[in-house]
């Protein structure tokens, strides 16, 4: 039992007139693969893993660019720590918790971390019907687990205690994320219902987004953010934020392309196309919507528009047509602008980087879009909606409970003085841009 239970009959993709998607079964996985194809599949999965790893650099630069300079070290520290926490907790507990049918009797924890109790041929050539190795499957999926926690980091930026955040991330990624992942990718009840999420619009992005919402509601807004009306608190480096988005866009080729779980040339190429066109359409949707509503073409909105398109297409990148991918991205781009404005000015929920709008709102949209645009008749809108509601309720309640307990015994918010001075100085005792001072004249 591996991610999405391995595609026992990998679906081939052929483009027809009008961008329609035609699928035909392949005996490739059913009959096993040659040694050469095994090597190719395994190599591509590892390359995809490297690309997802690069996404963490993208998150780090995006979040630091969209926040103030005095908190840059704190942002970078959290992103380095989250990656490490995600990988280690997934090794110790997450991988087995996510795939309960693969538990080795009496060897649950050792098997996961070290492969103890598994036959040698299972770890190498026989795993995933010979598609790739056990270790490749682990490291690829461990990167996804780490990504989930990163989503929370941006939403709570500039006012959360470092140790409280790290403790929350450890618990959430170790237990909540893999438990929820087992419902679909582990062959659980939602998988049996026919719920579909190709690469994680809900299982990664919305699960992280719901956690971010719970934490932000408990944490409250930054000092001075809402004095009557919402006050804009600009980030310190739009170049850094732009670099981050390009790195994330690059990494998404591994995020979605690797989720094919093979080097199938037709399907990987097709997923690349739908992923990229959705991102491009997200940029255009955000560009026009921001100019319409804000009277200026806002770069931060456009950057989030590209990410909105990427999150939106992630659930159905392999099962919607090219034209549909553009529509999904276009709507996601417009939706993220409206959502950022509404959450900030109407709901007065302080989200410095727009993580709630990008990952939660557009994650929900992308999951529901499968039920609207999928070329597979077995994909139902109502089933997708049930999945969204189930994941939302459990992930929000779990995150709210965990964060509330942490708040009760160690606190979650820095003092007003620490927030004004910046978390770099008070939490880390260093500055990101040491030696630079702002001089003022009377």
Protein backbone atom coordinates (compact mmCIF):
# COMPACT_ATOMS: atom_id res chain seq x y z
CA UNK A 1 0.00 0.00 0.00
CA UNK A 2 1.80 3.10 -1.19
CA UNK A 3 0.70 6.60 -2.07
CA UNK A 4 -2.70 6.34 -3.76
CA UNK A 5 -2.18 2.54 -3.54
CA UNK A 6 0.11 2.54 -6.59
CA UNK A 7 -1.64 2.91 -9.90
CA UNK A 8 -2.31 -0.75 -10.67
CA UNK A 9 -2.84 -0.05 -14.31
CA UNK A 10 -1.17 3.32 -14.82
CA UNK A 11 -3.44 5.58 -16.86
CA UNK A 12 -2.09 6.62 -20.23
CA UNK A 13 -2.95 10.08 -21.47
CA UNK A 14 -3.75 11.09 -25.02
CA UNK A 15 -4.82 14.52 -26.14
CA UNK A 16 -7.67 14.79 -28.61
CA UNK A 17 -9.60 17.56 -30.31
CA UNK A 18 -10.55 20.50 -28.11
CA UNK A 19 -8.04 19.53 -25.43
CA UNK A 20 -10.14 16.58 -24.22
CA UNK A 21 -8.42 13.93 -22.16
CA UNK A 22 -8.68 10.27 -23.12
CA UNK A 23 -7.48 7.63 -20.70
CA UNK A 24 -6.58 4.05 -21.42
CA UNK A 25 -5.33 1.40 -19.03
CA UNK A 26 -1.77 0.18 -19.17
CA UNK A 27 -0.48 -3.22 -18.15
CA UNK A 28 2.83 -1.58 -17.27
CA UNK A 29 2.42 -1.78 -13.49
CA UNK A 30 0.26 -4.91 -13.48
CA UNK A 31 2.90 -7.07 -15.11
CA UNK A 32 5.90 -5.49 -13.38
CA UNK A 33 8.63 -3.58 -15.15
CA UNK A 34 11.99 -4.31 -16.65
CA UNK A 35 15.19 -3.51 -14.79
CA UNK A 36 15.74 -0.57 -17.13
CA UNK A 37 12.27 0.85 -16.50
CA UNK A 38 12.66 0.27 -12.78
CA UNK A 39 15.84 2.39 -12.85
CA UNK A 40 14.18 5.12 -14.90
CA UNK A 41 11.11 5.24 -12.63
CA UNK A 42 13.22 5.31 -9.50
CA UNK A 43 15.49 8.03 -10.86
CA UNK A 44 12.58 10.25 -11.84
CA UNK A 45 10.98 9.82 -8.40
CA UNK A 46 14.24 10.91 -6.77
CA UNK A 47 14.55 13.92 -9.09
CA UNK A 48 10.98 14.86 -8.15
CA UNK A 49 11.98 14.56 -4.49
CA UNK A 50 14.85 17.00 -5.07
CA UNK A 51 12.40 19.45 -6.65
CA UNK A 52 10.00 19.24 -3.71
CA UNK A 53 12.99 19.84 -1.43
CA UNK A 54 13.71 23.06 -3.35
CA UNK A 55 10.18 24.22 -2.51
CA UNK A 56 11.29 24.70 1.09
CA UNK A 57 13.81 27.29 -0.07
CA UNK A 58 10.95 28.89 -1.98
CA UNK A 59 8.77 29.03 1.12
CA UNK A 60 11.64 30.49 3.14
CA UNK A 61 12.37 33.30 0.68
CA UNK A 62 8.70 34.04 -0.02
CA UNK A 63 7.78 34.29 3.66
CA UNK A 64 10.82 36.36 4.59
CA UNK A 65 10.25 38.70 1.65
CA UNK A 66 6.61 39.31 2.58
CA UNK A 67 7.44 40.04 6.24
CA UNK A 68 9.53 42.73 7.88
CA UNK A 69 13.33 42.68 7.93
CA UNK A 70 13.45 42.47 11.72
CA UNK A 71 11.88 39.00 11.59
CA UNK A 72 13.88 37.48 8.73
CA UNK A 73 16.16 35.27 10.83
CA UNK A 74 13.10 33.91 12.63
CA UNK A 75 11.36 33.03 9.35
CA UNK A 76 14.45 31.32 7.95
CA UNK A 77 15.07 29.43 11.19
CA UNK A 78 11.51 28.09 11.26
CA UNK A 79 11.71 26.89 7.66
CA UNK A 80 14.96 25.02 8.28
CA UNK A 81 13.58 23.49 11.48
CA UNK A 82 10.25 22.48 9.90
CA UNK A 83 11.94 20.54 7.14
CA UNK A 84 14.05 18.65 9.65
CA UNK A 85 11.13 17.98 11.99
CA UNK A 86 8.96 16.79 9.12
CA UNK A 87 11.54 14.33 7.82
CA UNK A 88 12.38 12.86 11.22
CA UNK A 89 8.81 12.52 12.49
CA UNK A 90 7.77 10.92 9.21
CA UNK A 91 10.59 8.41 9.62
CA UNK A 92 9.74 7.60 13.22
CA UNK A 93 5.95 7.46 13.05
CA UNK A 94 4.30 9.21 10.09
CA UNK A 95 5.01 6.78 7.24
CA UNK A 96 3.48 3.81 9.01
CA UNK A 97 0.61 5.80 10.46
CA UNK A 98 -0.31 6.96 6.97
CA UNK A 99 -0.26 3.42 5.52
CA UNK A 100 -1.66 1.14 8.23
CA UNK A 101 -2.10 -1.85 5.94
CA UNK A 102 1.68 -2.10 5.61
CA UNK A 103 2.42 -2.37 9.31
CA UNK A 104 4.79 -5.20 10.04
CA UNK A 105 3.38 -7.23 12.93
CA UNK A 106 5.29 -6.39 16.07
CA UNK A 107 7.81 -4.24 14.16
CA UNK A 108 5.81 -1.05 13.59
CA UNK A 109 8.33 1.65 14.56
CA UNK A 110 11.58 -0.19 13.60
CA UNK A 111 10.24 -1.18 10.20
CA UNK A 112 9.38 2.39 9.36
CA UNK A 113 12.63 4.00 10.32
CA UNK A 114 15.05 1.31 9.29
CA UNK A 115 13.26 -1.17 7.06
CA UNK A 116 13.56 -3.90 9.72
CA UNK A 117 11.21 -6.79 9.16
CA UNK A 118 10.88 -6.26 5.42
CA UNK A 119 12.29 -8.73 2.88
CA UNK A 120 15.22 -7.38 0.85
CA UNK A 121 13.42 -7.86 -2.46
CA UNK A 122 10.44 -5.91 -1.10
CA UNK A 123 12.62 -2.94 -0.22
CA UNK A 124 14.27 -2.96 -3.65
CA UNK A 125 12.79 -4.50 -6.76
CA UNK A 126 9.40 -5.81 -5.63
CA UNK A 127 8.13 -2.69 -3.88
CA UNK A 128 5.36 -0.86 -5.79
CA UNK A 129 5.18 -3.70 -8.32
CA UNK A 130 8.79 -2.96 -9.21
CA UNK A 131 8.08 0.72 -9.90
CA UNK A 132 10.62 2.13 -7.45
CA UNK A 133 12.20 1.32 -4.10
CA UNK A 134 10.78 1.47 -0.61
CA UNK A 135 13.31 4.15 0.33
CA UNK A 136 12.35 6.31 -2.64
CA UNK A 137 8.71 6.13 -1.63
CA UNK A 138 9.56 7.16 1.92
CA UNK A 139 11.76 10.15 1.07
CA UNK A 140 9.36 11.48 -1.59
CA UNK A 141 6.41 11.40 0.78
CA UNK A 142 8.41 12.74 3.72
CA UNK A 143 8.94 15.93 1.72
CA UNK A 144 5.16 16.31 1.44
CA UNK A 145 4.77 15.96 5.21
CA UNK A 146 7.29 18.74 5.81
CA UNK A 147 5.48 20.97 3.31
CA UNK A 148 2.25 20.78 5.29
CA UNK A 149 3.83 22.40 8.37
CA UNK A 150 5.49 25.12 6.31
CA UNK A 151 2.06 26.49 5.40
CA UNK A 152 1.41 27.32 9.05
CA UNK A 153 4.72 29.17 9.37
CA UNK A 154 3.80 32.05 7.08
CA UNK A 155 0.35 32.63 8.54
CA UNK A 156 1.63 33.00 12.12
CA UNK A 157 4.73 34.99 11.22
CA UNK A 158 6.08 37.92 13.23
CA UNK A 159 4.40 37.25 16.59
CA UNK A 160 4.62 33.57 17.59
CA UNK A 161 7.03 32.08 20.12
CA UNK A 162 9.58 29.94 18.35
CA UNK A 163 9.47 26.96 20.72
CA UNK A 164 5.69 26.92 20.82
CA UNK A 165 5.57 26.85 17.04
CA UNK A 166 8.13 24.06 16.78
CA UNK A 167 6.28 21.95 19.35
CA UNK A 168 2.99 22.43 17.50
CA UNK A 169 4.61 21.53 14.18
CA UNK A 170 6.13 18.38 15.63
CA UNK A 171 2.82 17.08 17.01
CA UNK A 172 0.75 18.08 13.99
CA UNK A 173 3.09 16.62 11.37
CA UNK A 174 3.87 13.49 13.37
CA UNK A 175 0.28 12.46 14.06
CA UNK A 176 -2.46 14.59 12.50
CA UNK A 177 -1.11 14.86 8.95
CA UNK A 178 -0.40 11.11 8.47
CA UNK A 179 -3.68 10.10 10.16
CA UNK A 180 -5.64 12.31 7.77
CA UNK A 181 -3.52 11.17 4.85
CA UNK A 182 -4.48 7.56 5.55
CA UNK A 183 -8.10 8.37 4.70
CA UNK A 184 -7.21 8.71 1.03
CA UNK A 185 -3.61 7.86 0.19
CA UNK A 186 -3.55 5.05 2.73
CA UNK A 187 -6.61 3.37 1.27
CA UNK A 188 -9.02 4.53 3.98
CA UNK A 189 -12.70 5.35 3.99
CA UNK A 190 -12.52 8.37 1.67
CA UNK A 191 -10.53 6.39 -0.86
CA UNK A 192 -13.23 3.72 -0.77
CA UNK A 193 -15.86 6.41 -1.38
CA UNK A 194 -14.06 7.57 -4.52
CA UNK A 195 -12.65 10.85 -3.17
CA UNK A 196 -9.80 12.03 -5.39
CA UNK A 197 -6.80 14.22 -4.61
CA UNK A 198 -3.95 13.58 -7.03
CA UNK A 199 -1.12 15.41 -5.26
CA UNK A 200 -2.57 17.16 -2.24
CA UNK A 201 -4.79 20.21 -2.77
CA UNK A 202 -6.61 18.99 0.33
CA UNK A 203 -4.32 16.38 1.90
CA UNK A 204 -1.34 18.75 2.03
CA UNK A 205 -2.45 22.32 1.36
CA UNK A 206 -5.88 22.46 3.00
CA UNK A 207 -4.77 20.33 5.93
CA UNK A 208 -1.98 22.86 6.47
CA UNK A 209 -4.36 25.74 5.77
CA UNK A 210 -6.93 24.63 8.37
CA UNK A 211 -4.15 24.34 10.93
CA UNK A 212 -2.95 27.82 10.04
CA UNK A 213 -6.46 29.22 10.51
CA UNK A 214 -6.79 27.62 13.95
CA UNK A 215 -3.42 28.97 15.07
CA UNK A 216 -4.05 32.48 13.75
CA UNK A 217 -7.42 32.70 15.51
CA UNK A 218 -5.81 31.79 18.84
CA UNK A 219 -2.72 33.94 18.26
CA UNK A 220 -4.47 37.13 17.20
CA UNK A 221 -3.23 39.88 14.85
CA UNK A 222 0.14 41.62 14.91
CA UNK A 223 0.56 44.70 17.07
CA UNK A 224 -0.89 47.75 15.30
CA UNK A 225 -2.51 45.75 12.49
CA UNK A 226 -6.08 46.71 13.33
CA UNK A 227 -6.61 50.13 14.80
CA UNK A 228 -10.13 50.62 13.56
CA UNK A 229 -9.47 49.64 9.96
CA UNK A 230 -6.89 47.21 8.63
CA UNK A 231 -3.42 48.70 8.35
CA UNK A 232 -1.09 47.45 5.64
CA UNK A 233 2.23 46.10 6.96
CA UNK A 234 4.39 45.70 3.83
CA UNK A 235 7.07 43.07 3.54
CA UNK A 236 10.67 44.17 3.33
CA UNK A 237 11.77 42.57 0.05
CA UNK A 238 9.62 41.96 -3.00
CA UNK A 239 12.66 40.60 -4.89
CA UNK A 240 13.01 37.86 -2.25
CA UNK A 241 9.29 37.11 -2.46
CA UNK A 242 9.47 36.88 -6.26
CA UNK A 243 12.46 34.54 -6.12
CA UNK A 244 10.49 32.40 -3.67
CA UNK A 245 7.54 32.09 -6.03
CA UNK A 246 9.75 31.05 -8.95
CA UNK A 247 11.41 28.43 -6.75
CA UNK A 248 8.01 27.13 -5.67
CA UNK A 249 6.78 27.02 -9.27
CA UNK A 250 9.89 25.03 -10.20
CA UNK A 251 9.42 22.69 -7.26
CA UNK A 252 5.82 22.05 -8.21
CA UNK A 253 7.00 20.10 -11.26
CA UNK A 254 8.27 17.56 -8.76
CA UNK A 255 5.28 17.94 -6.45
CA UNK A 256 2.76 17.12 -9.18
CA UNK A 257 4.99 15.38 -11.72
CA UNK A 258 6.39 13.04 -9.10
CA UNK A 259 2.88 12.15 -7.97
CA UNK A 260 2.44 10.20 -11.19
CA UNK A 261 4.57 7.64 -9.29
CA UNK A 262 6.38 6.55 -12.41
CA UNK A 263 8.34 7.99 -15.32
CA UNK A 264 5.41 7.35 -17.67
CA UNK A 265 6.34 9.82 -20.45
CA UNK A 266 2.81 10.71 -21.52
CA UNK A 267 1.32 11.24 -18.08
CA UNK A 268 4.30 13.11 -16.60
CA UNK A 269 4.39 15.42 -19.61
CA UNK A 270 0.68 16.02 -19.40
CA UNK A 271 0.83 16.83 -15.68
CA UNK A 272 3.65 19.30 -16.39
CA UNK A 273 1.43 21.06 -18.91
CA UNK A 274 -1.69 21.30 -16.73
CA UNK A 275 0.38 22.41 -13.74
CA UNK A 276 2.19 25.16 -15.62
CA UNK A 277 -0.85 26.49 -17.47
CA UNK A 278 -2.86 26.65 -14.26
CA UNK A 279 -0.09 28.67 -12.61
CA UNK A 280 0.10 31.03 -15.59
CA UNK A 281 -3.67 31.44 -15.60
CA UNK A 282 -3.53 32.16 -11.87
CA UNK A 283 -1.17 35.04 -12.54
CA UNK A 284 -3.52 36.50 -15.15
CA UNK A 285 -6.58 36.03 -12.95
CA UNK A 286 -4.90 37.76 -10.01
CA UNK A 287 -3.52 40.53 -12.20
CA UNK A 288 -6.89 41.56 -13.61
CA UNK A 289 -8.75 41.10 -10.31
CA UNK A 290 -6.23 43.13 -8.29
CA UNK A 291 -6.28 45.95 -10.82
CA UNK A 292 -10.08 45.90 -10.80
CA UNK A 293 -10.43 45.93 -7.01
CA UNK A 294 -7.30 47.81 -5.92
CA UNK A 295 -6.95 50.10 -8.95
CA UNK A 296 -3.29 49.07 -9.25
CA UNK A 297 -1.58 45.88 -10.48
CA UNK A 298 -0.35 44.50 -7.14
CA UNK A 299 2.81 42.35 -7.39
CA UNK A 300 2.14 40.50 -4.12
CA UNK A 301 -1.31 39.53 -5.41
CA UNK A 302 0.14 38.34 -8.71
CA UNK A 303 2.75 36.24 -6.91
CA UNK A 304 0.06 34.65 -4.78
CA UNK A 305 -2.02 34.22 -7.93
CA UNK A 306 0.58 31.89 -9.41
CA UNK A 307 0.64 29.85 -6.20
CA UNK A 308 -3.15 29.83 -6.13
CA UNK A 309 -3.21 28.32 -9.61
CA UNK A 310 -0.66 25.71 -8.56
CA UNK A 311 -2.58 24.74 -5.43
CA UNK A 312 -5.83 24.69 -7.38
CA UNK A 313 -4.60 22.27 -10.05
CA UNK A 314 -2.82 19.93 -7.65
CA UNK A 315 -5.91 17.82 -6.89
CA UNK A 316 -6.72 17.06 -10.52
CA UNK A 317 -3.60 17.70 -12.58
CA UNK A 318 -3.79 14.24 -14.15
CA UNK A 319 -7.52 14.03 -14.71
CA UNK A 320 -8.70 17.37 -16.15
CA UNK A 321 -8.24 18.64 -19.69
CA UNK A 322 -5.76 21.33 -20.65
CA UNK A 323 -8.57 23.83 -21.14
CA UNK A 324 -10.01 22.96 -17.74
CA UNK A 325 -6.62 23.47 -16.08
CA UNK A 326 -6.55 27.02 -17.43
CA UNK A 327 -10.06 27.70 -16.13
CA UNK A 328 -9.18 26.25 -12.71
CA UNK A 329 -6.06 28.43 -12.50
CA UNK A 330 -7.87 31.54 -13.71
CA UNK A 331 -10.59 31.18 -11.08
CA UNK A 332 -8.00 30.42 -8.38
CA UNK A 333 -6.07 33.58 -9.27
CA UNK A 334 -9.17 35.74 -8.99
CA UNK A 335 -10.31 33.91 -5.87
CA UNK A 336 -7.06 34.48 -4.00
CA UNK A 337 -7.26 38.26 -4.45
CA UNK A 338 -10.86 38.42 -3.24
CA UNK A 339 -10.03 36.09 -0.36
CA UNK A 340 -6.98 38.07 0.81
CA UNK A 341 -8.99 41.30 0.86
CA UNK A 342 -11.98 39.70 2.59
CA UNK A 343 -9.95 37.88 5.25
CA UNK A 344 -7.82 40.93 5.98
CA UNK A 345 -10.33 43.76 5.93
CA UNK A 346 -13.66 42.09 6.68
CA UNK A 347 -12.85 39.16 8.94
CA UNK A 348 -9.81 40.98 10.39
CA UNK A 349 -7.73 37.83 10.46
CA UNK A 350 -4.05 38.74 10.20
CA UNK A 351 -2.23 36.54 7.68
CA UNK A 352 1.04 38.26 6.67
CA UNK A 353 1.73 36.16 3.57
CA UNK A 354 -1.77 35.21 2.38
CA UNK A 355 -1.30 31.54 3.31
CA UNK A 356 -4.96 31.04 4.22
CA UNK A 357 -6.13 32.32 0.85
CA UNK A 358 -3.54 30.43 -1.19
CA UNK A 359 -3.49 27.07 0.57
CA UNK A 360 -6.84 26.78 2.32
CA UNK A 361 -9.27 28.62 0.05
CA UNK A 362 -7.65 27.56 -3.23
CA UNK A 363 -7.01 24.07 -1.89
CA UNK A 364 -10.74 23.71 -1.32
CA UNK A 365 -11.45 25.13 -4.76
CA UNK A 366 -9.03 22.76 -6.47
CA UNK A 367 -10.50 19.73 -4.70
CA UNK A 368 -14.05 20.67 -5.65
CA UNK A 369 -12.92 21.45 -9.20
CA UNK A 370 -12.13 17.75 -9.67
CA UNK A 371 -15.83 17.05 -9.25
CA UNK A 372 -16.63 19.69 -11.88
CA UNK A 373 -13.94 19.25 -14.54
CA UNK A 374 -12.60 15.71 -14.19
CA UNK A 375 -12.82 13.55 -17.31
CA UNK A 376 -13.24 10.50 -15.07
CA UNK A 377 -17.00 9.86 -14.59
CA UNK A 378 -16.30 8.22 -11.22
CA UNK A 379 -15.24 11.56 -9.73
CA UNK A 380 -18.27 13.13 -8.03
CA UNK A 381 -18.70 16.68 -6.78
CA UNK A 382 -20.59 15.49 -3.71
CA UNK A 383 -17.85 13.01 -2.82
CA UNK A 384 -15.25 15.76 -3.18
CA UNK A 385 -17.36 18.02 -0.97
CA UNK A 386 -17.65 15.32 1.70
CA UNK A 387 -13.87 14.98 1.64
CA UNK A 388 -13.36 18.72 2.00
CA UNK A 389 -15.75 18.90 4.97
CA UNK A 390 -14.25 15.84 6.66
CA UNK A 391 -10.68 17.04 6.33
CA UNK A 392 -11.61 20.57 7.34
CA UNK A 393 -13.48 19.65 10.50
CA UNK A 394 -10.92 17.18 11.86
CA UNK A 395 -7.78 19.13 10.94
CA UNK A 396 -9.17 22.41 12.33
CA UNK A 397 -10.38 20.86 15.59
CA UNK A 398 -7.12 18.93 16.06
CA UNK A 399 -4.96 22.00 15.40
CA UNK A 400 -7.10 24.22 17.60
CA UNK A 401 -6.90 21.71 20.45
CA UNK A 402 -3.14 21.19 20.19
CA UNK A 403 -2.39 24.90 19.97
CA UNK A 404 -4.75 25.70 22.87
CA UNK A 405 -3.00 23.20 25.11
CA UNK A 406 0.39 24.64 24.17
CA UNK A 407 -0.91 28.14 24.89
CA UNK A 408 -2.13 27.08 28.34
CA UNK A 409 1.20 25.77 29.63
CA UNK A 410 3.93 27.66 27.73
CA UNK A 411 2.20 30.47 25.85
CA UNK A 412 2.20 31.06 22.11
CA UNK A 413 2.68 34.80 21.71
CA UNK A 414 5.75 36.97 22.23
CA UNK A 415 5.43 40.14 24.29
CA UNK A 416 4.50 43.46 22.71
CA UNK A 417 8.02 44.75 23.32
CA UNK A 418 9.59 41.70 21.63
CA UNK A 419 7.26 42.03 18.67
CA UNK A 420 8.09 45.70 18.19
CA UNK A 421 11.85 45.09 18.46
CA UNK A 422 11.63 42.12 16.14
CA UNK A 423 11.91 38.38 16.74
CA UNK A 424 15.42 38.21 15.31
CA UNK A 425 16.89 40.10 18.27
CA UNK A 426 14.77 38.67 21.08
CA UNK A 427 14.34 35.08 19.91
CA UNK A 428 17.70 34.54 18.19
CA UNK A 429 20.05 37.32 19.32
CA UNK A 430 21.09 38.17 15.75
CA UNK A 431 20.03 40.17 12.71
CA UNK A 432 19.55 39.10 9.11
CA UNK A 433 21.12 42.33 7.83
CA UNK A 434 23.73 43.10 10.49
CA UNK A 435 25.53 46.41 10.15
CA UNK A 436 22.66 48.31 8.54
CA UNK A 437 21.14 51.15 10.56
CA UNK A 438 18.42 53.65 9.85
CA UNK A 439 19.47 57.21 10.68
CA UNK A 440 16.88 59.87 11.28
CA UNK A 441 17.23 63.63 11.60
CA UNK A 442 15.27 65.78 14.00
